[in-house]
PDB file of N, CA and C in Angstrom:
ATOM      1  N   MET A   1      -2.280  15.546 -31.505  1.00  0.00           N
ATOM      2  CA  MET A   1      -3.659  15.070 -31.453  1.00  0.00           C
ATOM      3  C   MET A   1      -4.505  16.109 -30.702  1.00  0.00           C
ATOM      4  N   PRO A   2      -5.548  16.608 -31.317  1.00  0.00           N
ATOM      5  CA  PRO A   2      -6.367  17.621 -30.629  1.00  0.00           C
ATOM      6  C   PRO A   2      -7.197  17.005 -29.498  1.00  0.00           C
ATOM      7  N   LYS A   3      -7.458  17.814 -28.507  1.00  0.00           N
ATOM      8  CA  LYS A   3      -8.371  17.402 -27.438  1.00  0.00           C
ATOM      9  C   LYS A   3      -9.761  17.870 -27.844  1.00  0.00           C
ATOM     10  N   ARG A   4     -10.712  16.981 -27.759  1.00  0.00           N
ATOM     11  CA  ARG A   4     -12.091  17.303 -28.131  1.00  0.00           C
ATOM     12  C   ARG A   4     -12.963  17.351 -26.890  1.00  0.00           C
ATOM     13  N   MET A   5     -13.752  18.397 -26.806  1.00  0.00           N
ATOM     14  CA  MET A   5     -14.718  18.552 -25.719  1.00  0.00           C
ATOM     15  C   MET A   5     -16.070  18.805 -26.374  1.00  0.00           C
ATOM     16  N   ILE A   6     -17.093  18.074 -25.959  1.00  0.00           N
ATOM     17  CA  ILE A   6     -18.439  18.442 -26.353  1.00  0.00           C
ATOM     18  C   ILE A   6     -19.039  19.231 -25.202  1.00  0.00           C
ATOM     19  N   TRP A   7     -20.107  19.980 -25.466  1.00  0.00           N
ATOM     20  CA  TRP A   7     -20.775  20.686 -24.385  1.00  0.00           C
ATOM     21  C   TRP A   7     -22.273  20.702 -24.610  1.00  0.00           C
ATOM     22  N   VAL A   8     -22.998  20.777 -23.493  1.00  0.00           N
ATOM     23  CA  VAL A   8     -24.448  20.903 -23.509  1.00  0.00           C
ATOM     24  C   VAL A   8     -24.834  21.957 -22.482  1.00  0.00           C
ATOM     25  N   THR A   9     -26.010  22.513 -22.663  1.00  0.00           N
ATOM     26  CA  THR A   9     -26.544  23.471 -21.705  1.00  0.00           C
ATOM     27  C   THR A   9     -27.922  23.010 -21.243  1.00  0.00           C
ATOM     28  N   PHE A  10     -28.265  23.418 -20.039  1.00  0.00           N
ATOM     29  CA  PHE A  10     -29.614  23.204 -19.514  1.00  0.00           C
ATOM     30  C   PHE A  10     -29.780  24.124 -18.321  1.00  0.00           C
ATOM     31  N   ASN A  11     -31.000  24.247 -17.825  1.00  0.00           N
ATOM     32  CA  ASN A  11     -31.212  25.067 -16.630  1.00  0.00           C
ATOM     33  C   ASN A  11     -32.227  24.407 -15.720  1.00  0.00           C
ATOM     34  N   ARG A  12     -32.196  24.828 -14.474  1.00  0.00           N
ATOM     35  CA  ARG A  12     -33.070  24.320 -13.430  1.00  0.00           C
ATOM     36  C   ARG A  12     -33.461  25.456 -12.510  1.00  0.00           C
ATOM     37  N   GLU A  13     -34.722  25.485 -12.151  1.00  0.00           N
ATOM     38  CA  GLU A  13     -35.176  26.424 -11.131  1.00  0.00           C
ATOM     39  C   GLU A  13     -34.767  25.872  -9.771  1.00  0.00           C
ATOM     40  N   GLY A  14     -34.315  26.752  -8.895  1.00  0.00           N
ATOM     41  CA  GLY A  14     -33.920  26.301  -7.573  1.00  0.00           C
ATOM     42  C   GLY A  14     -34.092  27.387  -6.533  1.00  0.00           C
ATOM     43  N   ILE A  15     -34.310  26.956  -5.324  1.00  0.00           N
ATOM     44  CA  ILE A  15     -34.380  27.842  -4.163  1.00  0.00           C
ATOM     45  C   ILE A  15     -33.144  27.535  -3.328  1.00  0.00           C
ATOM     46  N   HIS A  16     -32.395  28.566  -3.013  1.00  0.00           N
ATOM     47  CA  HIS A  16     -31.249  28.330  -2.132  1.00  0.00           C
ATOM     48  C   HIS A  16     -31.043  29.548  -1.251  1.00  0.00           C
ATOM     49  N   GLN A  17     -30.062  29.441  -0.361  1.00  0.00           N
ATOM     50  CA  GLN A  17     -29.724  30.555   0.526  1.00  0.00           C
ATOM     51  C   GLN A  17     -28.249  30.478   0.873  1.00  0.00           C
ATOM     52  N   PHE A  18     -27.697  31.621   1.185  1.00  0.00           N
ATOM     53  CA  PHE A  18     -26.282  31.763   1.515  1.00  0.00           C
ATOM     54  C   PHE A  18     -26.225  32.122   2.997  1.00  0.00           C
ATOM     55  N   HIS A  19     -26.088  31.105   3.835  1.00  0.00           N
ATOM     56  CA  HIS A  19     -26.169  31.288   5.290  1.00  0.00           C
ATOM     57  C   HIS A  19     -25.173  32.319   5.815  1.00  0.00           C
ATOM     58  N   ASP A  20     -23.987  32.387   5.241  1.00  0.00           N
ATOM     59  CA  ASP A  20     -22.941  33.276   5.725  1.00  0.00           C
ATOM     60  C   ASP A  20     -22.776  34.506   4.836  1.00  0.00           C
ATOM     61  N   ALA A  21     -23.866  34.988   4.264  1.00  0.00           N
ATOM     62  CA  ALA A  21     -23.792  36.143   3.375  1.00  0.00           C
ATOM     63  C   ALA A  21     -23.174  37.344   4.106  1.00  0.00           C
ATOM     64  N   PRO A  22     -22.253  38.038   3.458  1.00  0.00           N
ATOM     65  CA  PRO A  22     -21.601  39.181   4.103  1.00  0.00           C
ATOM     66  C   PRO A  22     -22.498  40.421   4.135  1.00  0.00           C
ATOM     67  N   ASP A  23     -22.066  41.408   4.885  1.00  0.00           N
ATOM     68  CA  ASP A  23     -22.778  42.685   4.934  1.00  0.00           C
ATOM     69  C   ASP A  23     -22.920  43.245   3.529  1.00  0.00           C
ATOM     70  N   GLY A  24     -24.064  43.819   3.268  1.00  0.00           N
ATOM     71  CA  GLY A  24     -24.347  44.397   1.954  1.00  0.00           C
ATOM     72  C   GLY A  24     -25.225  43.491   1.105  1.00  0.00           C
ATOM     73  N   VAL A  25     -25.215  42.194   1.426  1.00  0.00           N
ATOM     74  CA  VAL A  25     -26.087  41.249   0.701  1.00  0.00           C
ATOM     75  C   VAL A  25     -26.762  40.295   1.698  1.00  0.00           C
ATOM     76  N   GLU A  26     -27.170  40.858   2.832  1.00  0.00           N
ATOM     77  CA  GLU A  26     -27.798  40.070   3.889  1.00  0.00           C
ATOM     78  C   GLU A  26     -29.048  39.338   3.413  1.00  0.00           C
ATOM     79  N   HIS A  27     -29.716  39.891   2.406  1.00  0.00           N
ATOM     80  CA  HIS A  27     -30.942  39.269   1.897  1.00  0.00           C
ATOM     81  C   HIS A  27     -30.690  37.856   1.366  1.00  0.00           C
ATOM     82  N   LEU A  28     -29.447  37.552   1.019  1.00  0.00           N
ATOM     83  CA  LEU A  28     -29.120  36.223   0.492  1.00  0.00           C
ATOM     84  C   LEU A  28     -29.144  35.140   1.576  1.00  0.00           C
ATOM     85  N   LYS A  29     -29.227  35.561   2.847  1.00  0.00           N
ATOM     86  CA  LYS A  29     -29.322  34.590   3.936  1.00  0.00           C
ATOM     87  C   LYS A  29     -30.680  33.897   3.954  1.00  0.00           C
ATOM     88  N   HIS A  30     -31.655  34.479   3.290  1.00  0.00           N
ATOM     89  CA  HIS A  30     -33.019  33.933   3.255  1.00  0.00           C
ATOM     90  C   HIS A  30     -33.219  33.140   1.967  1.00  0.00           C
ATOM     91  N   PRO A  31     -34.064  32.113   2.013  1.00  0.00           N
ATOM     92  CA  PRO A  31     -34.324  31.343   0.792  1.00  0.00           C
ATOM     93  C   PRO A  31     -34.793  32.269  -0.336  1.00  0.00           C
ATOM     94  N   HIS A  32     -34.212  32.090  -1.501  1.00  0.00           N
ATOM     95  CA  HIS A  32     -34.580  32.889  -2.665  1.00  0.00           C
ATOM     96  C   HIS A  32     -34.426  32.050  -3.927  1.00  0.00           C
ATOM     97  N   ARG A  33     -35.117  32.466  -4.962  1.00  0.00           N
ATOM     98  CA  ARG A  33     -35.210  31.704  -6.205  1.00  0.00           C
ATOM     99  C   ARG A  33     -34.178  32.165  -7.224  1.00  0.00           C
ATOM    100  N   HIS A  34     -33.661  31.200  -7.953  1.00  0.00           N
ATOM    101  CA  HIS A  34     -32.808  31.470  -9.111  1.00  0.00           C
ATOM    102  C   HIS A  34     -33.161  30.466 -10.202  1.00  0.00           C
ATOM    103  N   ILE A  35     -32.829  30.817 -11.410  1.00  0.00           N
ATOM    104  CA  ILE A  35     -32.737  29.841 -12.485  1.00  0.00           C
ATOM    105  C   ILE A  35     -31.244  29.566 -12.615  1.00  0.00           C
ATOM    106  N   PHE A  36     -30.844  28.343 -12.297  1.00  0.00           N
ATOM    107  CA  PHE A  36     -29.446  27.957 -12.404  1.00  0.00           C
ATOM    108  C   PHE A  36     -29.191  27.477 -13.832  1.00  0.00           C
ATOM    109  N   HIS A  37     -28.224  28.096 -14.478  1.00  0.00           N
ATOM    110  CA  HIS A  37     -27.856  27.748 -15.853  1.00  0.00           C
ATOM    111  C   HIS A  37     -26.566  26.930 -15.803  1.00  0.00           C
ATOM    112  N   PHE A  38     -26.559  25.862 -16.553  1.00  0.00           N
ATOM    113  CA  PHE A  38     -25.416  24.950 -16.604  1.00  0.00           C
ATOM    114  C   PHE A  38     -24.879  24.892 -18.034  1.00  0.00           C
ATOM    115  N   LYS A  39     -23.576  24.847 -18.152  1.00  0.00           N
ATOM    116  CA  LYS A  39     -22.916  24.513 -19.412  1.00  0.00           C
ATOM    117  C   LYS A  39     -21.838  23.505 -19.020  1.00  0.00           C
ATOM    118  N   VAL A  40     -21.976  22.298 -19.531  1.00  0.00           N
ATOM    119  CA  VAL A  40     -21.094  21.206 -19.133  1.00  0.00           C
ATOM    120  C   VAL A  40     -20.309  20.735 -20.352  1.00  0.00           C
ATOM    121  N   TYR A  41     -18.997  20.787 -20.220  1.00  0.00           N
ATOM    122  CA  TYR A  41     -18.081  20.303 -21.254  1.00  0.00           C
ATOM    123  C   TYR A  41     -17.510  18.973 -20.776  1.00  0.00           C
ATOM    124  N   ILE A  42     -17.379  18.023 -21.692  1.00  0.00           N
ATOM    125  CA  ILE A  42     -16.759  16.746 -21.337  1.00  0.00           C
ATOM    126  C   ILE A  42     -15.890  16.289 -22.497  1.00  0.00           C
ATOM    127  N   GLU A  43     -14.730  15.791 -22.138  1.00  0.00           N
ATOM    128  CA  GLU A  43     -13.784  15.316 -23.142  1.00  0.00           C
ATOM    129  C   GLU A  43     -14.332  14.061 -23.830  1.00  0.00           C
ATOM    130  N   VAL A  44     -14.157  14.006 -25.139  1.00  0.00           N
ATOM    131  CA  VAL A  44     -14.499  12.806 -25.899  1.00  0.00           C
ATOM    132  C   VAL A  44     -13.237  12.286 -26.572  1.00  0.00           C
ATOM    133  N   LYS A  45     -13.218  10.989 -26.801  1.00  0.00           N
ATOM    134  CA  LYS A  45     -12.000  10.324 -27.268  1.00  0.00           C
ATOM    135  C   LYS A  45     -11.923  10.182 -28.787  1.00  0.00           C
ATOM    136  N   HIS A  46     -13.016  10.421 -29.500  1.00  0.00           N
ATOM    137  CA  HIS A  46     -12.972  10.383 -30.962  1.00  0.00           C
ATOM    138  C   HIS A  46     -13.980  11.378 -31.519  1.00  0.00           C
ATOM    139  N   ASP A  47     -14.017  11.501 -32.844  1.00  0.00           N
ATOM    140  CA  ASP A  47     -14.781  12.582 -33.471  1.00  0.00           C
ATOM    141  C   ASP A  47     -16.131  12.153 -34.038  1.00  0.00           C
ATOM    142  N   ASP A  48     -16.696  11.045 -33.556  1.00  0.00           N
ATOM    143  CA  ASP A  48     -17.978  10.594 -34.106  1.00  0.00           C
ATOM    144  C   ASP A  48     -19.000  10.328 -33.011  1.00  0.00           C
ATOM    145  N   ARG A  49     -19.301  11.372 -32.254  1.00  0.00           N
ATOM    146  CA  ARG A  49     -20.338  11.321 -31.226  1.00  0.00           C
ATOM    147  C   ARG A  49     -20.166  10.178 -30.231  1.00  0.00           C
ATOM    148  N   GLU A  50     -18.980  10.088 -29.680  1.00  0.00           N
ATOM    149  CA  GLU A  50     -18.740   9.099 -28.629  1.00  0.00           C
ATOM    150  C   GLU A  50     -19.774   9.278 -27.504  1.00  0.00           C
ATOM    151  N   ILE A  51     -20.017  10.531 -27.141  1.00  0.00           N
ATOM    152  CA  ILE A  51     -21.097  10.869 -26.212  1.00  0.00           C
ATOM    153  C   ILE A  51     -22.062  11.723 -27.018  1.00  0.00           C
ATOM    154  N   GLU A  52     -23.262  11.254 -27.202  1.00  0.00           N
ATOM    155  CA  GLU A  52     -24.226  11.952 -28.052  1.00  0.00           C
ATOM    156  C   GLU A  52     -24.809  13.136 -27.282  1.00  0.00           C
ATOM    157  N   PHE A  53     -24.809  14.307 -27.920  1.00  0.00           N
ATOM    158  CA  PHE A  53     -25.215  15.555 -27.261  1.00  0.00           C
ATOM    159  C   PHE A  53     -26.576  15.464 -26.570  1.00  0.00           C
ATOM    160  N   ILE A  54     -27.579  15.078 -27.324  1.00  0.00           N
ATOM    161  CA  ILE A  54     -28.955  15.103 -26.796  1.00  0.00           C
ATOM    162  C   ILE A  54     -29.104  14.130 -25.631  1.00  0.00           C
ATOM    163  N   LEU A  55     -28.540  12.948 -25.767  1.00  0.00           N
ATOM    164  CA  LEU A  55     -28.639  11.970 -24.680  1.00  0.00           C
ATOM    165  C   LEU A  55     -27.886  12.434 -23.433  1.00  0.00           C
ATOM    166  N   PHE A  56     -26.745  13.066 -23.623  1.00  0.00           N
ATOM    167  CA  PHE A  56     -25.977  13.591 -22.485  1.00  0.00           C
ATOM    168  C   PHE A  56     -26.762  14.697 -21.782  1.00  0.00           C
ATOM    169  N   LYS A  57     -27.361  15.572 -22.552  1.00  0.00           N
ATOM    170  CA  LYS A  57     -28.169  16.651 -21.971  1.00  0.00           C
ATOM    171  C   LYS A  57     -29.333  16.069 -21.174  1.00  0.00           C
ATOM    172  N   ARG A  58     -30.028  15.108 -21.744  1.00  0.00           N
ATOM    173  CA  ARG A  58     -31.154  14.474 -21.039  1.00  0.00           C
ATOM    174  C   ARG A  58     -30.690  13.809 -19.747  1.00  0.00           C
ATOM    175  N   GLU A  59     -29.532  13.171 -19.810  1.00  0.00           N
ATOM    176  CA  GLU A  59     -28.972  12.534 -18.619  1.00  0.00           C
ATOM    177  C   GLU A  59     -28.752  13.558 -17.513  1.00  0.00           C
ATOM    178  N   LEU A  60     -28.144  14.691 -17.854  1.00  0.00           N
ATOM    179  CA  LEU A  60     -27.866  15.724 -16.856  1.00  0.00           C
ATOM    180  C   LEU A  60     -29.148  16.330 -16.298  1.00  0.00           C
ATOM    181  N   GLU A  61     -30.090  16.630 -17.167  1.00  0.00           N
ATOM    182  CA  GLU A  61     -31.368  17.177 -16.696  1.00  0.00           C
ATOM    183  C   GLU A  61     -32.057  16.204 -15.742  1.00  0.00           C
ATOM    184  N   GLY A  62     -31.963  14.920 -16.049  1.00  0.00           N
ATOM    185  CA  GLY A  62     -32.602  13.905 -15.219  1.00  0.00           C
ATOM    186  C   GLY A  62     -32.027  13.810 -13.822  1.00  0.00           C
ATOM    187  N   LEU A  63     -30.763  14.139 -13.659  1.00  0.00           N
ATOM    188  CA  LEU A  63     -30.150  14.079 -12.332  1.00  0.00           C
ATOM    189  C   LEU A  63     -30.864  14.993 -11.350  1.00  0.00           C
ATOM    190  N   TYR A  64     -31.323  16.135 -11.816  1.00  0.00           N
ATOM    191  CA  TYR A  64     -32.008  17.095 -10.945  1.00  0.00           C
ATOM    192  C   TYR A  64     -33.509  16.812 -10.899  1.00  0.00           C
ATOM    193  N   ARG A  65     -34.074  16.366 -11.990  1.00  0.00           N
ATOM    194  CA  ARG A  65     -35.502  16.049 -12.023  1.00  0.00           C
ATOM    195  C   ARG A  65     -35.794  14.859 -11.112  1.00  0.00           C
ATOM    196  N   GLU A  66     -34.890  13.883 -11.106  1.00  0.00           N
ATOM    197  CA  GLU A  66     -35.072  12.676 -10.295  1.00  0.00           C
ATOM    198  C   GLU A  66     -34.495  12.837  -8.894  1.00  0.00           C
ATOM    199  N   GLU A  67     -34.008  14.018  -8.587  1.00  0.00           N
ATOM    200  CA  GLU A  67     -33.469  14.355  -7.270  1.00  0.00           C
ATOM    201  C   GLU A  67     -32.240  13.528  -6.894  1.00  0.00           C
ATOM    202  N   VAL A  68     -31.480  13.088  -7.899  1.00  0.00           N
ATOM    203  CA  VAL A  68     -30.183  12.468  -7.618  1.00  0.00           C
ATOM    204  C   VAL A  68     -29.263  13.543  -7.060  1.00  0.00           C
ATOM    205  N   LEU A  69     -29.327  14.736  -7.659  1.00  0.00           N
ATOM    206  CA  LEU A  69     -28.543  15.882  -7.195  1.00  0.00           C
ATOM    207  C   LEU A  69     -29.507  16.990  -6.773  1.00  0.00           C
ATOM    208  N   GLN A  70     -29.080  17.782  -5.788  1.00  0.00           N
ATOM    209  CA  GLN A  70     -29.919  18.842  -5.237  1.00  0.00           C
ATOM    210  C   GLN A  70     -29.245  20.198  -5.383  1.00  0.00           C
ATOM    211  N   LEU A  71     -30.035  21.261  -5.394  1.00  0.00           N
ATOM    212  CA  LEU A  71     -29.490  22.621  -5.426  1.00  0.00           C
ATOM    213  C   LEU A  71     -29.425  23.189  -4.012  1.00  0.00           C
ATOM    214  N   GLU A  72     -30.530  23.150  -3.292  1.00  0.00           N
ATOM    215  CA  GLU A  72     -30.658  23.576  -1.902  1.00  0.00           C
ATOM    216  C   GLU A  72     -29.815  24.798  -1.554  1.00  0.00           C
ATOM    217  N   HIS A  73     -28.985  24.682  -0.519  1.00  0.00           N
ATOM    218  CA  HIS A  73     -28.201  25.804   0.003  1.00  0.00           C
ATOM    219  C   HIS A  73     -26.881  25.978  -0.739  1.00  0.00           C
ATOM    220  N   ARG A  74     -26.600  25.131  -1.699  1.00  0.00           N
ATOM    221  CA  ARG A  74     -25.281  25.081  -2.315  1.00  0.00           C
ATOM    222  C   ARG A  74     -24.954  26.316  -3.145  1.00  0.00           C
ATOM    223  N   SER A  75     -23.692  26.673  -3.109  1.00  0.00           N
ATOM    224  CA  SER A  75     -23.177  27.727  -3.984  1.00  0.00           C
ATOM    225  C   SER A  75     -22.999  27.142  -5.377  1.00  0.00           C
ATOM    226  N   CYS A  76     -22.771  27.998  -6.357  1.00  0.00           N
ATOM    227  CA  CYS A  76     -22.497  27.523  -7.715  1.00  0.00           C
ATOM    228  C   CYS A  76     -21.282  26.604  -7.720  1.00  0.00           C
ATOM    229  N   GLU A  77     -20.273  26.934  -6.928  1.00  0.00           N
ATOM    230  CA  GLU A  77     -19.079  26.105  -6.838  1.00  0.00           C
ATOM    231  C   GLU A  77     -19.398  24.717  -6.286  1.00  0.00           C
ATOM    232  N   MET A  78     -20.229  24.672  -5.252  1.00  0.00           N
ATOM    233  CA  MET A  78     -20.610  23.388  -4.657  1.00  0.00           C
ATOM    234  C   MET A  78     -21.437  22.556  -5.633  1.00  0.00           C
ATOM    235  N   ILE A  79     -22.328  23.211  -6.348  1.00  0.00           N
ATOM    236  CA  ILE A  79     -23.160  22.518  -7.341  1.00  0.00           C
ATOM    237  C   ILE A  79     -22.268  21.895  -8.412  1.00  0.00           C
ATOM    238  N   ALA A  80     -21.283  22.650  -8.885  1.00  0.00           N
ATOM    239  CA  ALA A  80     -20.355  22.128  -9.893  1.00  0.00           C
ATOM    240  C   ALA A  80     -19.579  20.935  -9.348  1.00  0.00           C
ATOM    241  N   ASP A  81     -19.082  21.038  -8.124  1.00  0.00           N
ATOM    242  CA  ASP A  81     -18.310  19.941  -7.534  1.00  0.00           C
ATOM    243  C   ASP A  81     -19.156  18.674  -7.389  1.00  0.00           C
ATOM    244  N   GLU A  82     -20.392  18.834  -6.955  1.00  0.00           N
ATOM    245  CA  GLU A  82     -21.259  17.669  -6.782  1.00  0.00           C
ATOM    246  C   GLU A  82     -21.580  17.023  -8.132  1.00  0.00           C
ATOM    247  N   LEU A  83     -21.849  17.843  -9.139  1.00  0.00           N
ATOM    248  CA  LEU A  83     -22.123  17.311 -10.472  1.00  0.00           C
ATOM    249  C   LEU A  83     -20.891  16.590 -11.008  1.00  0.00           C
ATOM    250  N   HIS A  84     -19.718  17.169 -10.823  1.00  0.00           N
ATOM    251  CA  HIS A  84     -18.495  16.522 -11.280  1.00  0.00           C
ATOM    252  C   HIS A  84     -18.280  15.177 -10.581  1.00  0.00           C
ATOM    253  N   ALA A  85     -18.501  15.121  -9.281  1.00  0.00           N
ATOM    254  CA  ALA A  85     -18.318  13.864  -8.546  1.00  0.00           C
ATOM    255  C   ALA A  85     -19.194  12.764  -9.148  1.00  0.00           C
ATOM    256  N   HIS A  86     -20.408  13.116  -9.536  1.00  0.00           N
ATOM    257  CA  HIS A  86     -21.308  12.151 -10.143  1.00  0.00           C
ATOM    258  C   HIS A  86     -20.826  11.750 -11.541  1.00  0.00           C
ATOM    259  N   LEU A  87     -20.474  12.734 -12.356  1.00  0.00           N
ATOM    260  CA  LEU A  87     -20.062  12.456 -13.736  1.00  0.00           C
ATOM    261  C   LEU A  87     -18.759  11.666 -13.812  1.00  0.00           C
ATOM    262  N   SER A  88     -17.821  11.963 -12.927  1.00  0.00           N
ATOM    263  CA  SER A  88     -16.513  11.309 -13.007  1.00  0.00           C
ATOM    264  C   SER A  88     -16.599   9.816 -12.705  1.00  0.00           C
ATOM    265  N   LYS A  89     -17.659   9.378 -12.042  1.00  0.00           N
ATOM    266  CA  LYS A  89     -17.855   7.942 -11.813  1.00  0.00           C
ATOM    267  C   LYS A  89     -18.273   7.247 -13.109  1.00  0.00           C
ATOM    268  N   LYS A  90     -19.177   7.871 -13.844  1.00  0.00           N
ATOM    269  CA  LYS A  90     -19.667   7.269 -15.091  1.00  0.00           C
ATOM    270  C   LYS A  90     -18.699   7.487 -16.246  1.00  0.00           C
ATOM    271  N   TYR A  91     -18.013   8.631 -16.238  1.00  0.00           N
ATOM    272  CA  TYR A  91     -17.094   8.993 -17.322  1.00  0.00           C
ATOM    273  C   TYR A  91     -15.707   9.249 -16.721  1.00  0.00           C
ATOM    274  N   PRO A  92     -15.004   8.192 -16.306  1.00  0.00           N
ATOM    275  CA  PRO A  92     -13.701   8.389 -15.655  1.00  0.00           C
ATOM    276  C   PRO A  92     -12.616   8.826 -16.639  1.00  0.00           C
ATOM    277  N   ASP A  93     -11.580   9.401 -16.081  1.00  0.00           N
ATOM    278  CA  ASP A  93     -10.379   9.771 -16.842  1.00  0.00           C
ATOM    279  C   ASP A  93     -10.677  10.704 -18.006  1.00  0.00           C
ATOM    280  N   ARG A  94     -11.513  11.683 -17.764  1.00  0.00           N
ATOM    281  CA  ARG A  94     -11.840  12.681 -18.785  1.00  0.00           C
ATOM    282  C   ARG A  94     -11.769  14.064 -18.167  1.00  0.00           C
ATOM    283  N   GLU A  95     -11.370  15.005 -18.975  1.00  0.00           N
ATOM    284  CA  GLU A  95     -11.435  16.393 -18.540  1.00  0.00           C
ATOM    285  C   GLU A  95     -12.902  16.822 -18.612  1.00  0.00           C
ATOM    286  N   ILE A  96     -13.344  17.505 -17.579  1.00  0.00           N
ATOM    287  CA  ILE A  96     -14.727  17.986 -17.507  1.00  0.00           C
ATOM    288  C   ILE A  96     -14.672  19.429 -17.019  1.00  0.00           C
ATOM    289  N   TRP A  97     -15.401  20.297 -17.707  1.00  0.00           N
ATOM    290  CA  TRP A  97     -15.544  21.689 -17.272  1.00  0.00           C
ATOM    291  C   TRP A  97     -17.015  21.912 -16.981  1.00  0.00           C
ATOM    292  N   ILE A  98     -17.292  22.569 -15.864  1.00  0.00           N
ATOM    293  CA  ILE A  98     -18.680  22.830 -15.489  1.00  0.00           C
ATOM    294  C   ILE A  98     -18.838  24.308 -15.168  1.00  0.00           C
ATOM    295  N   ASP A  99     -19.762  24.930 -15.865  1.00  0.00           N
ATOM    296  CA  ASP A  99     -20.110  26.338 -15.690  1.00  0.00           C
ATOM    297  C   ASP A  99     -21.511  26.366 -15.078  1.00  0.00           C
ATOM    298  N   VAL A 100     -21.646  26.993 -13.916  1.00  0.00           N
ATOM    299  CA  VAL A 100     -22.938  27.119 -13.249  1.00  0.00           C
ATOM    300  C   VAL A 100     -23.141  28.591 -12.926  1.00  0.00           C
ATOM    301  N   SER A 101     -24.290  29.120 -13.329  1.00  0.00           N
ATOM    302  CA  SER A 101     -24.562  30.525 -13.016  1.00  0.00           C
ATOM    303  C   SER A 101     -25.957  30.684 -12.432  1.00  0.00           C
ATOM    304  N   GLU A 102     -26.120  31.768 -11.707  1.00  0.00           N
ATOM    305  CA  GLU A 102     -27.424  32.163 -11.182  1.00  0.00           C
ATOM    306  C   GLU A 102     -28.032  33.139 -12.174  1.00  0.00           C
ATOM    307  N   ASP A 103     -29.164  32.760 -12.733  1.00  0.00           N
ATOM    308  CA  ASP A 103     -29.924  33.608 -13.650  1.00  0.00           C
ATOM    309  C   ASP A 103     -29.112  34.001 -14.889  1.00  0.00           C
ATOM    310  N   ASN A 104     -28.118  33.177 -15.227  1.00  0.00           N
ATOM    311  CA  ASN A 104     -27.254  33.426 -16.385  1.00  0.00           C
ATOM    312  C   ASN A 104     -26.564  34.786 -16.284  1.00  0.00           C
ATOM    313  N   GLU A 105     -26.289  35.178 -15.035  1.00  0.00           N
ATOM    314  CA  GLU A 105     -25.730  36.499 -14.785  1.00  0.00           C
ATOM    315  C   GLU A 105     -24.388  36.433 -14.060  1.00  0.00           C
ATOM    316  N   ASN A 106     -24.316  35.650 -12.986  1.00  0.00           N
ATOM    317  CA  ASN A 106     -23.091  35.510 -12.194  1.00  0.00           C
ATOM    318  C   ASN A 106     -22.875  34.033 -11.935  1.00  0.00           C
ATOM    319  N   GLY A 107     -21.638  33.591 -12.019  1.00  0.00           N
ATOM    320  CA  GLY A 107     -21.431  32.168 -11.806  1.00  0.00           C
ATOM    321  C   GLY A 107     -19.975  31.785 -11.707  1.00  0.00           C
ATOM    322  N   VAL A 108     -19.731  30.506 -11.960  1.00  0.00           N
ATOM    323  CA  VAL A 108     -18.403  29.931 -11.822  1.00  0.00           C
ATOM    324  C   VAL A 108     -18.143  28.970 -12.979  1.00  0.00           C
ATOM    325  N   LEU A 109     -16.896  28.894 -13.382  1.00  0.00           N
ATOM    326  CA  LEU A 109     -16.437  27.876 -14.317  1.00  0.00           C
ATOM    327  C   LEU A 109     -15.352  27.095 -13.589  1.00  0.00           C
ATOM    328  N   VAL A 110     -15.559  25.783 -13.453  1.00  0.00           N
ATOM    329  CA  VAL A 110     -14.581  24.933 -12.789  1.00  0.00           C
ATOM    330  C   VAL A 110     -14.074  23.905 -13.799  1.00  0.00           C
ATOM    331  N   ARG A 111     -12.757  23.825 -13.912  1.00  0.00           N
ATOM    332  CA  ARG A 111     -12.138  22.854 -14.825  1.00  0.00           C
ATOM    333  C   ARG A 111     -11.563  21.711 -14.003  1.00  0.00           C
ATOM    334  N   TYR A 112     -12.031  20.509 -14.292  1.00  0.00           N
ATOM    335  CA  TYR A 112     -11.561  19.302 -13.617  1.00  0.00           C
ATOM    336  C   TYR A 112     -10.705  18.544 -14.628  1.00  0.00           C
ATOM    337  N   GLU A 113      -9.407  18.494 -14.374  1.00  0.00           N
ATOM    338  CA  GLU A 113      -8.487  17.891 -15.349  1.00  0.00           C
ATOM    339  C   GLU A 113      -7.947  16.574 -14.824  1.00  0.00           C
TER     340      GLU A 113
END
């Protein structure tokens, strides 16, 4: 039986800072702007839009628009973990992969199995 994952993308503007930035990138200790790009994969149990793409995307975008989740000082890894904690409550027992990048240039992919 194949495993099915759907995915959606969205982005959010955010200001954050890296308090413990190492030498060579000290400028990251100060608040700075990024466009955070998200690609979220979630396991579905059948092949007929169990989770509808557009509605799922709107749901995720709303979490940040309604300030349920924040970007603030968080790293891409922290942002992914916080988003997963929220999603796993509504969609339990599913594999979820979350890709978060700064300016669609550098980021993280975290697989929650």
